[in-house]
Protein backbone atom coordinates (compact mmCIF):
# COMPACT_ATOMS: atom_id res chain seq x y z
CA UNK A 1 163.29 142.88 143.64
CA UNK A 2 166.60 143.64 142.34
CA UNK A 3 167.05 145.82 139.52
CA UNK A 4 168.74 143.65 137.17
CA UNK A 5 165.24 141.46 137.45
CA UNK A 6 163.14 144.16 137.29
CA UNK A 7 164.72 145.89 134.25
CA UNK A 8 164.10 142.65 132.38
CA UNK A 9 160.72 142.06 133.50
CA UNK A 10 159.89 145.62 132.25
CA UNK A 11 161.89 144.67 128.94
CA UNK A 12 159.75 141.66 128.35
CA UNK A 13 156.35 143.55 128.93
CA UNK A 14 157.85 146.39 126.79
CA UNK A 15 158.37 143.71 123.94
CA UNK A 16 154.52 142.15 124.41
CA UNK A 17 153.32 145.90 123.76
CA UNK A 18 155.02 146.19 120.92
CA UNK A 19 154.29 143.09 119.90
CA UNK A 20 150.29 143.52 120.37
CA UNK A 21 150.61 147.11 118.30
CA UNK A 22 151.97 145.12 115.69
CA UNK A 23 149.65 142.68 115.60
CA UNK A 24 146.83 145.33 115.97
CA UNK A 25 147.78 147.00 112.89
CA UNK A 26 148.52 143.93 111.01
CA UNK A 27 145.23 142.50 111.79
CA UNK A 28 143.61 145.55 110.21
CA UNK A 29 145.51 144.73 107.30
CA UNK A 30 144.58 141.07 107.00
CA UNK A 31 140.73 142.14 107.10
CA UNK A 32 141.54 144.31 104.11
CA UNK A 33 143.82 141.51 102.05
CA UNK A 34 140.70 139.16 102.99
CA UNK A 35 138.12 141.77 101.83
CA UNK A 36 140.28 142.79 98.64
CA UNK A 37 140.68 139.11 97.97
CA UNK A 38 144.36 139.75 97.97
CA UNK A 39 144.83 136.61 99.95
CA UNK A 40 142.78 134.48 97.21
CA UNK A 41 144.64 135.95 94.34
CA UNK A 42 148.29 135.70 95.76
CA UNK A 43 147.28 131.82 96.34
CA UNK A 44 146.02 131.15 93.22
CA UNK A 45 148.85 132.64 90.86
CA UNK A 46 151.73 132.06 93.03
CA UNK A 47 154.81 134.51 93.16
CA UNK A 48 153.95 137.76 91.43
CA UNK A 49 155.29 141.20 91.45
CA UNK A 50 153.44 144.35 92.65
CA UNK A 51 152.17 145.16 89.00
CA UNK A 52 150.93 141.69 88.41
CA UNK A 53 149.04 141.47 91.31
CA UNK A 54 147.31 145.00 90.89
CA UNK A 55 146.37 143.92 87.81
CA UNK A 56 145.08 140.34 88.78
CA UNK A 57 142.99 141.58 91.30
CA UNK A 58 141.83 145.12 89.47
CA UNK A 59 143.32 147.10 92.83
CA UNK A 60 145.31 149.92 92.89
CA UNK A 61 148.77 149.51 92.21
CA UNK A 62 150.35 152.06 95.26
CA UNK A 63 147.91 150.59 97.93
CA UNK A 64 149.17 146.96 96.95
CA UNK A 65 152.69 147.96 97.16
CA UNK A 66 152.15 149.12 100.55
CA UNK A 67 149.75 145.96 102.19
CA UNK A 68 152.31 143.49 100.71
CA UNK A 69 155.07 145.30 102.46
CA UNK A 70 153.07 145.24 105.57
CA UNK A 71 152.55 141.78 105.07
CA UNK A 72 156.11 141.16 104.24
CA UNK A 73 157.16 142.73 107.51
CA UNK A 74 154.86 140.98 109.33
CA UNK A 75 156.06 137.47 108.26
CA UNK A 76 152.91 136.74 106.65
CA UNK A 77 154.06 136.95 102.72
CA UNK A 78 157.73 135.97 101.50
CA UNK A 79 159.71 139.00 99.40
CA UNK A 80 162.50 137.87 96.70
CA UNK A 81 164.67 140.99 96.25
CA UNK A 82 166.44 139.95 93.43
CA UNK A 83 162.98 139.13 91.46
CA UNK A 84 161.43 141.66 92.93
CA UNK A 85 158.17 139.05 93.62
CA UNK A 86 155.99 138.27 96.86
CA UNK A 87 154.90 135.43 97.67
CA UNK A 88 152.23 133.64 100.09
CA UNK A 89 153.49 130.53 101.59
CA UNK A 90 151.05 127.25 101.03
CA UNK A 91 150.72 126.68 105.08
CA UNK A 92 150.01 130.58 105.27
CA UNK A 93 147.64 130.73 102.83
CA UNK A 94 145.37 127.83 104.04
CA UNK A 95 144.60 129.80 106.71
CA UNK A 96 143.84 133.00 105.32
CA UNK A 97 141.86 132.04 101.63
CA UNK A 98 137.98 131.48 101.47
CA UNK A 99 138.75 127.84 99.90
CA UNK A 100 139.68 126.54 103.03
CA UNK A 101 136.41 127.08 104.53
CA UNK A 102 136.26 126.38 108.52
CA UNK A 103 139.99 126.81 108.15
CA UNK A 104 140.09 130.26 107.22
CA UNK A 105 140.95 132.70 109.83
CA UNK A 106 141.24 135.77 108.15
CA UNK A 107 137.39 136.14 108.59
CA UNK A 108 137.79 137.07 112.48
CA UNK A 109 140.25 139.96 111.78
CA UNK A 110 137.27 141.78 109.90
CA UNK A 111 135.41 142.10 113.71
CA UNK A 112 138.36 144.77 114.80
CA UNK A 113 137.33 147.11 112.42
CA UNK A 114 133.88 146.85 112.83
CA UNK A 115 134.63 147.21 116.51
CA UNK A 116 136.41 150.30 115.80
CA UNK A 117 134.22 152.08 114.14
CA UNK A 118 131.81 152.49 117.46
CA UNK A 119 134.96 153.43 120.12
CA UNK A 120 133.95 157.02 120.46
CA UNK A 121 130.57 155.84 121.43
CA UNK A 122 131.88 153.11 123.68
CA UNK A 123 134.04 155.76 125.17
CA UNK A 124 131.31 157.96 126.10
CA UNK A 125 129.56 154.39 127.36
CA UNK A 126 132.44 154.60 129.92
CA UNK A 127 131.73 157.82 131.17
CA UNK A 128 127.85 157.90 131.04
CA UNK A 129 127.08 154.29 130.98
CA UNK A 130 124.32 153.18 128.61
CA UNK A 131 125.19 150.87 125.52
CA UNK A 132 125.66 151.21 121.97
CA UNK A 133 123.08 150.24 119.55
CA UNK A 134 122.90 147.48 117.01
CA UNK A 135 122.31 150.14 114.30
CA UNK A 136 125.83 151.71 114.73
CA UNK A 137 127.20 148.88 113.72
CA UNK A 138 128.44 148.96 110.03
CA UNK A 139 128.73 145.19 108.64
CA UNK A 140 128.29 143.45 111.73
CA UNK A 141 125.47 140.93 110.45
CA UNK A 142 127.25 140.56 107.33
CA UNK A 143 130.63 139.41 108.96
CA UNK A 144 128.60 137.24 111.55
CA UNK A 145 127.04 135.51 108.52
CA UNK A 146 130.28 134.85 106.80
CA UNK A 147 131.99 133.34 110.05
CA UNK A 148 128.49 131.03 111.00
CA UNK A 149 128.74 130.34 106.99
CA UNK A 150 132.21 128.78 107.07
CA UNK A 151 132.44 127.48 110.50
CA UNK A 152 128.49 126.40 111.89
CA UNK A 153 126.66 126.18 108.17
CA UNK A 154 128.73 123.17 106.80
CA UNK A 155 129.07 121.12 110.07
CA UNK A 156 125.36 121.78 111.11
CA UNK A 157 123.80 118.44 109.05
CA UNK A 158 126.44 115.87 109.87
CA UNK A 159 127.86 117.13 113.35
CA UNK A 160 125.76 119.78 115.07
CA UNK A 161 121.87 118.19 114.64
CA UNK A 162 123.21 114.68 115.44
CA UNK A 163 124.28 115.33 119.00
CA UNK A 164 120.77 115.18 119.76
CA UNK A 165 119.41 111.90 119.46
CA UNK A 166 116.60 110.91 116.87
CA UNK A 167 116.48 114.80 116.11
CA UNK A 168 117.39 113.92 112.42
CA UNK A 169 114.89 111.31 111.84
CA UNK A 170 112.02 113.54 113.29
CA UNK A 171 113.59 116.49 110.76
CA UNK A 172 112.86 114.04 107.86
CA UNK A 173 109.57 113.53 109.17
CA UNK A 174 108.74 116.86 109.71
CA UNK A 175 108.63 119.05 112.74
CA UNK A 176 107.93 123.06 113.89
CA UNK A 177 111.53 124.28 114.29
CA UNK A 178 112.37 128.09 115.37
CA UNK A 179 115.34 129.91 115.81
CA UNK A 180 116.33 132.69 118.04
CA UNK A 181 118.71 135.59 116.78
CA UNK A 182 118.60 134.06 113.23
CA UNK A 183 120.27 137.18 111.55
CA UNK A 184 120.80 136.43 108.01
CA UNK A 185 119.14 132.99 108.24
CA UNK A 186 122.20 130.80 106.96
CA UNK A 187 121.45 127.91 109.31
CA UNK A 188 117.77 127.52 108.84
CA UNK A 189 118.56 127.72 105.05
CA UNK A 190 120.56 124.97 104.95
CA UNK A 191 118.15 122.75 107.12
CA UNK A 192 115.09 124.05 105.52
CA UNK A 193 116.68 122.64 101.94
CA UNK A 194 117.44 119.20 103.80
CA UNK A 195 114.21 118.63 105.41
CA UNK A 196 111.50 120.25 103.14
CA UNK A 197 109.00 118.45 105.31
CA UNK A 198 109.66 120.45 108.48
CA UNK A 199 108.44 123.88 109.10
CA UNK A 200 111.06 126.55 109.94
CA UNK A 201 110.71 130.09 111.32
CA UNK A 202 113.86 132.78 112.49
CA UNK A 203 112.78 135.62 114.71
CA UNK A 204 115.58 138.81 114.88
CA UNK A 205 115.18 142.12 116.09
CA UNK A 206 116.77 143.72 113.14
CA UNK A 207 114.95 144.69 110.17
CA UNK A 208 117.35 144.44 107.55
CA UNK A 209 118.71 140.96 108.47
CA UNK A 210 115.21 139.96 108.37
CA UNK A 211 114.71 141.57 104.89
CA UNK A 212 117.89 140.21 103.96
CA UNK A 213 117.12 136.54 104.94
CA UNK A 214 113.38 136.66 103.76
CA UNK A 215 114.60 137.54 99.94
CA UNK A 216 117.56 134.85 99.97
CA UNK A 217 115.13 132.02 100.90
CA UNK A 218 112.87 133.26 98.70
CA UNK A 219 115.37 132.98 95.82
CA UNK A 220 116.41 129.70 96.74
CA UNK A 221 112.73 128.51 96.62
CA UNK A 222 112.47 127.80 100.12
CA UNK A 223 108.58 127.55 101.22
CA UNK A 224 108.86 126.02 104.25
CA UNK A 225 110.82 128.44 105.90
CA UNK A 226 109.66 132.45 107.01
CA UNK A 227 111.34 135.34 109.16
CA UNK A 228 110.23 137.67 111.44
CA UNK A 229 111.29 140.75 113.08
CA UNK A 230 110.19 139.88 116.71
CA UNK A 231 111.33 140.59 120.00
CA UNK A 232 111.50 137.20 121.86
CA UNK A 233 111.78 138.41 125.17
CA UNK A 234 107.95 139.04 124.73
CA UNK A 235 107.49 135.70 122.58
CA UNK A 236 103.92 134.37 123.98
CA UNK A 237 104.33 130.66 122.26
CA UNK A 238 103.22 127.75 124.43
CA UNK A 239 104.66 124.01 123.68
CA UNK A 240 104.61 125.39 119.95
CA UNK A 241 107.52 124.19 118.89
CA UNK A 242 109.76 120.58 118.64
CA UNK A 243 113.20 122.07 118.25
CA UNK A 244 114.48 125.25 119.25
CA UNK A 245 118.12 126.64 118.02
CA UNK A 246 119.85 129.81 119.07
CA UNK A 247 123.51 130.21 117.11
CA UNK A 248 125.46 132.86 119.70
CA UNK A 249 122.31 134.88 120.27
CA UNK A 250 121.50 134.55 123.80
CA UNK A 251 124.37 136.46 125.50
CA UNK A 252 123.19 139.70 123.24
CA UNK A 253 119.82 140.03 124.63
CA UNK A 254 118.69 142.41 126.79
CA UNK A 255 116.79 139.93 128.95
CA UNK A 256 118.70 136.63 128.42
CA UNK A 257 116.90 134.71 131.76
CA UNK A 258 113.31 135.98 130.00
CA UNK A 259 113.97 134.93 126.55
CA UNK A 260 115.50 131.47 127.74
CA UNK A 261 112.24 131.30 129.72
CA UNK A 262 110.13 131.95 126.87
CA UNK A 263 111.88 129.40 124.97
CA UNK A 264 111.49 126.81 127.68
CA UNK A 265 107.64 127.45 127.40
CA UNK A 266 107.74 127.50 123.83
CA UNK A 267 108.80 123.97 123.54
CA UNK A 268 106.82 121.17 123.49
CA UNK A 269 107.55 118.60 126.81
CA UNK A 270 109.21 116.56 124.18
CA UNK A 271 111.15 118.86 122.34
CA UNK A 272 114.94 119.89 122.33
CA UNK A 273 116.80 122.97 122.67
CA UNK A 274 119.91 123.79 121.35
CA UNK A 275 122.32 126.58 121.88
CA UNK A 276 125.44 127.56 120.69
CA UNK A 277 127.32 130.06 122.72
CA UNK A 278 131.06 130.70 123.64
CA UNK A 279 133.28 127.79 124.96
CA UNK A 280 134.38 129.77 128.38
CA UNK A 281 134.05 129.90 131.89
CA UNK A 282 132.25 132.37 133.76
CA UNK A 283 135.52 133.25 135.97
CA UNK A 284 138.29 135.36 134.45
CA UNK A 285 140.86 133.05 136.45
CA UNK A 286 139.68 130.42 134.37
CA UNK A 287 140.15 132.29 131.27
CA UNK A 288 143.89 133.17 131.33
CA UNK A 289 144.98 130.60 128.81
CA UNK A 290 142.31 130.82 126.67
CA UNK A 291 143.20 130.87 123.14
CA UNK A 292 140.76 133.58 122.00
CA UNK A 293 140.48 135.34 125.76
CA UNK A 294 141.66 138.98 124.67
CA UNK A 295 139.67 138.74 121.46
CA UNK A 296 136.17 137.67 123.20
CA UNK A 297 136.72 139.98 125.85
CA UNK A 298 137.03 142.94 123.70
CA UNK A 299 134.18 141.84 121.52
CA UNK A 300 132.09 141.56 124.66
CA UNK A 301 133.06 145.00 125.72
CA UNK A 302 132.75 146.64 122.15
CA UNK A 303 129.65 144.62 121.15
CA UNK A 304 127.95 141.93 122.80
CA UNK A 305 127.29 143.69 126.15
CA UNK A 306 127.06 147.11 125.10
CA UNK A 307 123.93 146.43 122.63
CA UNK A 308 122.47 144.67 125.44
CA UNK A 309 122.96 147.75 127.76
CA UNK A 310 121.63 149.69 124.68
CA UNK A 311 117.87 148.25 125.44
CA UNK A 312 118.47 148.51 129.36
CA UNK A 313 119.34 144.89 128.98
CA UNK A 314 121.45 143.13 131.53
CA UNK A 315 124.65 143.63 129.49
CA UNK A 316 125.20 139.46 130.33
CA UNK A 317 128.36 139.70 127.71
CA UNK A 318 130.49 137.09 125.61
CA UNK A 319 131.84 135.75 128.05
CA UNK A 320 128.70 134.72 130.19
CA UNK A 321 130.76 131.35 130.29
CA UNK A 322 129.42 127.79 130.53
CA UNK A 323 128.67 128.09 134.95
CA UNK A 324 126.26 130.74 133.93
CA UNK A 325 124.66 129.39 131.18
CA UNK A 326 123.87 126.23 133.00
CA UNK A 327 122.53 127.93 135.48
CA UNK A 328 120.29 130.15 133.38
CA UNK A 329 119.17 126.99 131.36
CA UNK A 330 118.45 125.18 134.86
CA UNK A 331 116.06 128.25 135.97
CA UNK A 332 114.28 128.34 132.71
CA UNK A 333 112.93 124.69 133.64
CA UNK A 334 115.41 122.67 131.66
CA UNK A 335 116.31 119.76 133.90
CA UNK A 336 118.88 118.33 131.59
CA UNK A 337 121.81 120.08 130.09
CA UNK A 338 124.61 118.18 128.27
CA UNK A 339 127.42 120.94 127.26
CA UNK A 340 129.33 119.29 124.05
CA UNK A 341 132.31 120.45 122.03
CA UNK A 342 133.37 120.25 118.47
CA UNK A 343 136.80 119.46 117.43
CA UNK A 344 136.40 121.72 114.48
CA UNK A 345 135.46 125.01 116.44
CA UNK A 346 137.96 126.88 119.31
CA UNK A 347 135.35 129.24 119.92
CA UNK A 348 132.01 127.49 120.70
CA UNK A 349 130.23 124.69 122.74
CA UNK A 350 126.64 123.41 122.28
CA UNK A 351 124.13 123.27 124.93
CA UNK A 352 121.59 120.50 124.19
CA UNK A 353 118.53 120.79 126.83
CA UNK A 354 115.69 119.48 127.72
CA UNK A 355 112.93 119.99 129.90
């Protein structure tokens, strides 16, 4: 390769690295802006000085100043030097504020700081093997609940459930429903409220999330919904449920094939299993242009793969992909597996499986 071409290639990569580092740092600032409500308040009040924004948010002025300057040099916030005021442009605000619902991408920024907290433990795993347990992750279930609360839950009744022919009518009449890896249970609560004649149960390994979900369901008066701490790899139910769901949960399991086998056994012959999982290929060469490829592989290494390995599990990982997922479902006895893609969700796809 000519020296000039080599220099040009190196320069492009240097620039790419700088973009990566600046982007990573900005991601942390976006997470802070989301968690403190700074983005929401800026969208509400318009152009404001540091002092005005700090007062409006009841936040420390010195920290607000540094955050605003970070957002300014990153191109997220506009600064008027003459007026000494900062503005969040409407088109930027739409992707960063809570009222935007499923379009709010600021929620995803929190995953980076959550994962960064376990970096030392992950490095130790690189040397010694094993994994990092769920208990090491601060706020993970909280962030997951917020994520699904704006992307999955609002689309559940009108978009997701109708993917299964006749399901909504059956839920109206009253059927038995189970959710695997229910987390804080927001999806189940949405269904339980909409279909009071049906009975719902959610299983999760985490005591904290089950306790939270149980308390929340009780406060909402949902008597047709219960939550249990349960290891679904040892699930013993046989042809009990009409409808079973798993939202971004199977790839985290220690023994995903065993869990899917148990789901198949627990499902009635006429029942349906609906699985939401990552929309990607099982082969890295097919993910080179995936819009969230680097992010999802990082999440896999820093969370999904390692929590499974911490249980002496398979360590399937976030990016197990459509090909592997379909193979696992077929091994579990599902004769029909249809993969659906939702327009509003760039991260997940929906598997509708029947026996």
